[in-house]
Amino acid sequence: MGGNMATRVLLAALLAAVGGVSLGHIAAAADPPANPISIYLHSVDASDNTPVESVALTDKFFMISVVAVPTVPGSHEVAATLYDSTGRQVLRATVEEEPRRPKFHLSVGYNLKVDDPIGAWRIVATLDGGPLAERVLQVSATRKVHE
C-alpha cells in the first residue's frame, strides 16, 4: 500500500462517521460505468443518495464517488481531485490496492464553506496516474427550489 497513510486514515474515519461510506470499497461488477464519477448530496439515509448535477453552498456537504475498472491484474491507484471555480485544488483523495474484484470504488466527501467560490468546479479522476474521467460540478450560493 502506498500513498499518504495519515490522510487515508483520516479520510476513512471521516467517511465512516458520515454514514457507512468507506474509502476503497470493493464493488462486485466488472463492466465500466458510463460515467465513472458520481456526485451525491449527503443524506442521513444512505439509501436516499440520488446523484446530482449541482450543489449549493447551503448544502454544506457532498460526496464524490469514482468507480474504476483496471484492465490488468495487480495493484492500482484511483484518485479524485477537486478544483474550485478559480482552479485551486481543494481536495485530493487516493486509494491504492490490489482489487479482489474487477471493479473498485473511491468515495470521499467535501465540506462546503460559505466563502467557497461559486461557479463551475472540476472533478478529475485518474487510474494509475492516467486520465479516467473529468466532470464539471456547478456550485451556486443557494439551491433553487422548483415549483
Protein backbone atom coordinates (compact mmCIF):
# COMPACT_ATOMS: atom_id res chain seq x y z
CA MET A 1 0.00 0.00 0.00
CA GLY A 2 1.27 3.40 -0.93
CA GLY A 3 0.03 6.92 -0.50
CA ASN A 4 -0.13 9.14 2.49
CA MET A 5 -1.32 6.79 5.23
CA ALA A 6 -2.28 9.54 7.70
CA THR A 7 -4.51 11.18 5.07
CA ARG A 8 -6.09 7.85 4.16
CA VAL A 9 -6.79 7.02 7.81
CA LEU A 10 -8.31 10.47 8.41
CA LEU A 11 -10.49 10.18 5.27
CA ALA A 12 -11.61 6.68 6.20
CA ALA A 13 -12.58 7.86 9.70
CA LEU A 14 -14.46 10.86 8.30
CA LEU A 15 -16.32 8.73 5.80
CA ALA A 16 -17.26 6.16 8.41
CA ALA A 17 -18.64 8.97 10.58
CA VAL A 18 -20.92 10.27 7.82
CA GLY A 19 -22.86 7.11 7.33
CA GLY A 20 -21.08 3.96 6.32
CA VAL A 21 -19.17 5.24 3.30
CA SER A 22 -15.77 3.65 3.01
CA LEU A 23 -12.58 4.60 1.24
CA GLY A 24 -11.61 1.95 -1.27
CA HIS A 25 -14.84 -0.02 -1.10
CA ILE A 26 -14.64 -3.04 -3.40
CA ALA A 27 -17.59 -3.30 -5.78
CA ALA A 28 -18.72 -6.51 -7.50
CA ALA A 29 -19.46 -5.72 -11.15
CA ALA A 30 -16.85 -5.81 -13.95
CA ASP A 31 -18.40 -3.51 -16.56
CA PRO A 32 -17.06 0.06 -16.60
CA PRO A 33 -19.76 2.63 -15.79
CA ALA A 34 -20.91 5.11 -18.45
CA ASN A 35 -19.68 7.93 -16.19
CA PRO A 36 -17.11 6.85 -13.57
CA ILE A 37 -17.75 9.99 -11.45
CA SER A 38 -20.95 10.47 -9.43
CA ILE A 39 -21.84 13.30 -7.05
CA TYR A 40 -24.29 12.92 -4.17
CA LEU A 41 -25.65 15.21 -1.51
CA HIS A 42 -25.05 13.71 1.91
CA SER A 43 -28.14 12.06 3.28
CA VAL A 44 -28.74 10.64 6.74
CA ASP A 45 -30.49 7.78 4.93
CA ALA A 46 -27.65 6.35 2.82
CA SER A 47 -30.22 4.62 0.59
CA ASP A 48 -31.51 8.06 -0.47
CA ASN A 49 -28.31 9.24 -2.15
CA THR A 50 -29.57 10.48 -5.51
CA PRO A 51 -26.89 11.72 -7.92
CA VAL A 52 -26.90 15.49 -8.51
CA GLU A 53 -25.51 17.76 -11.23
CA SER A 54 -25.11 20.81 -8.99
CA VAL A 55 -24.73 21.75 -5.34
CA ALA A 56 -25.24 24.90 -3.29
CA LEU A 57 -23.09 26.34 -0.52
CA THR A 58 -26.15 25.87 1.70
CA ASP A 59 -25.97 22.07 1.08
CA LYS A 60 -22.81 22.11 3.24
CA PHE A 61 -21.56 18.64 2.25
CA PHE A 62 -21.42 16.43 -0.83
CA MET A 63 -19.88 13.11 -1.77
CA ILE A 64 -17.79 12.24 -4.81
CA SER A 65 -17.77 8.63 -5.96
CA VAL A 66 -15.31 7.25 -8.52
CA VAL A 67 -15.56 3.75 -10.00
CA ALA A 68 -12.59 2.25 -11.84
CA VAL A 69 -12.19 -0.98 -13.77
CA PRO A 70 -8.48 -1.81 -14.21
CA THR A 71 -7.70 -3.83 -17.32
CA VAL A 72 -4.65 -5.61 -15.91
CA PRO A 73 -4.27 -7.50 -12.62
CA GLY A 74 -2.17 -6.16 -9.78
CA SER A 75 -2.09 -3.13 -7.52
CA HIS A 76 -3.78 0.03 -8.81
CA GLU A 77 -4.31 3.60 -7.63
CA VAL A 78 -7.53 5.56 -8.13
CA ALA A 79 -7.51 9.28 -7.32
CA ALA A 80 -10.09 12.05 -7.28
CA THR A 81 -9.03 15.70 -7.33
CA LEU A 82 -11.49 18.56 -6.81
CA TYR A 83 -10.77 22.06 -8.17
CA ASP A 84 -12.90 25.07 -7.28
CA SER A 85 -14.07 27.62 -9.89
CA THR A 86 -10.81 29.57 -9.55
CA GLY A 87 -8.77 26.47 -10.46
CA ARG A 88 -7.47 25.97 -6.91
CA GLN A 89 -7.13 22.33 -5.80
CA VAL A 90 -9.32 21.95 -2.71
CA LEU A 91 -9.30 18.16 -2.26
CA ARG A 92 -7.34 15.13 -3.38
CA ALA A 93 -8.07 11.60 -2.28
CA THR A 94 -6.42 8.36 -3.37
CA VAL A 95 -6.78 4.69 -2.70
CA GLU A 96 -4.17 2.15 -3.75
CA GLU A 97 -4.77 -1.55 -3.50
CA GLU A 98 -4.92 -4.80 -5.38
CA PRO A 99 -8.63 -5.17 -6.08
CA ARG A 100 -10.12 -8.52 -5.13
CA ARG A 101 -12.75 -7.95 -7.83
CA PRO A 102 -12.52 -6.34 -11.28
CA LYS A 103 -14.05 -3.02 -10.22
CA PHE A 104 -13.22 -0.80 -7.27
CA HIS A 105 -14.58 2.37 -5.80
CA LEU A 106 -13.28 5.53 -4.12
CA SER A 107 -15.69 7.71 -2.14
CA VAL A 108 -14.78 10.98 -0.50
CA GLY A 109 -16.72 13.90 0.96
CA TYR A 110 -16.22 17.65 0.80
CA ASN A 111 -17.49 20.19 3.34
CA LEU A 112 -18.59 23.37 1.58
CA LYS A 113 -17.68 26.64 3.26
CA VAL A 114 -19.63 29.90 2.98
CA ASP A 115 -16.64 31.61 1.37
CA ASP A 116 -16.09 28.90 -1.28
CA PRO A 117 -16.34 30.41 -4.78
CA ILE A 118 -19.46 29.73 -6.80
CA GLY A 119 -19.28 28.65 -10.44
CA ALA A 120 -18.02 25.62 -12.35
CA TRP A 121 -15.87 23.27 -10.24
CA ARG A 122 -13.99 20.34 -11.78
CA ILE A 123 -13.52 16.79 -10.57
CA VAL A 124 -10.68 14.88 -12.21
CA ALA A 125 -10.40 11.13 -11.70
CA THR A 126 -7.30 9.13 -12.55
CA LEU A 127 -6.41 5.46 -12.64
CA ASP A 128 -2.73 4.68 -12.11
CA GLY A 129 -1.88 8.33 -12.81
CA GLY A 130 -3.59 8.35 -16.21
CA PRO A 131 -6.88 10.06 -17.08
CA LEU A 132 -10.05 8.18 -16.16
CA ALA A 133 -12.77 10.85 -16.28
CA GLU A 134 -13.48 14.52 -15.69
CA ARG A 135 -16.72 16.12 -14.59
CA VAL A 136 -17.97 19.68 -14.05
CA LEU A 137 -19.97 20.45 -10.92
CA GLN A 138 -21.95 23.70 -10.75
CA VAL A 139 -21.75 25.32 -7.31
CA SER A 140 -24.26 28.07 -6.51
CA ALA A 141 -24.84 30.22 -3.44
CA THR A 142 -28.28 28.72 -2.68
CA ARG A 143 -30.35 25.85 -4.02
CA LYS A 144 -33.05 26.79 -6.49
CA VAL A 145 -36.44 25.46 -5.50
CA HIS A 146 -38.53 24.08 -8.36
CA GLU A 147 -42.27 24.56 -8.09
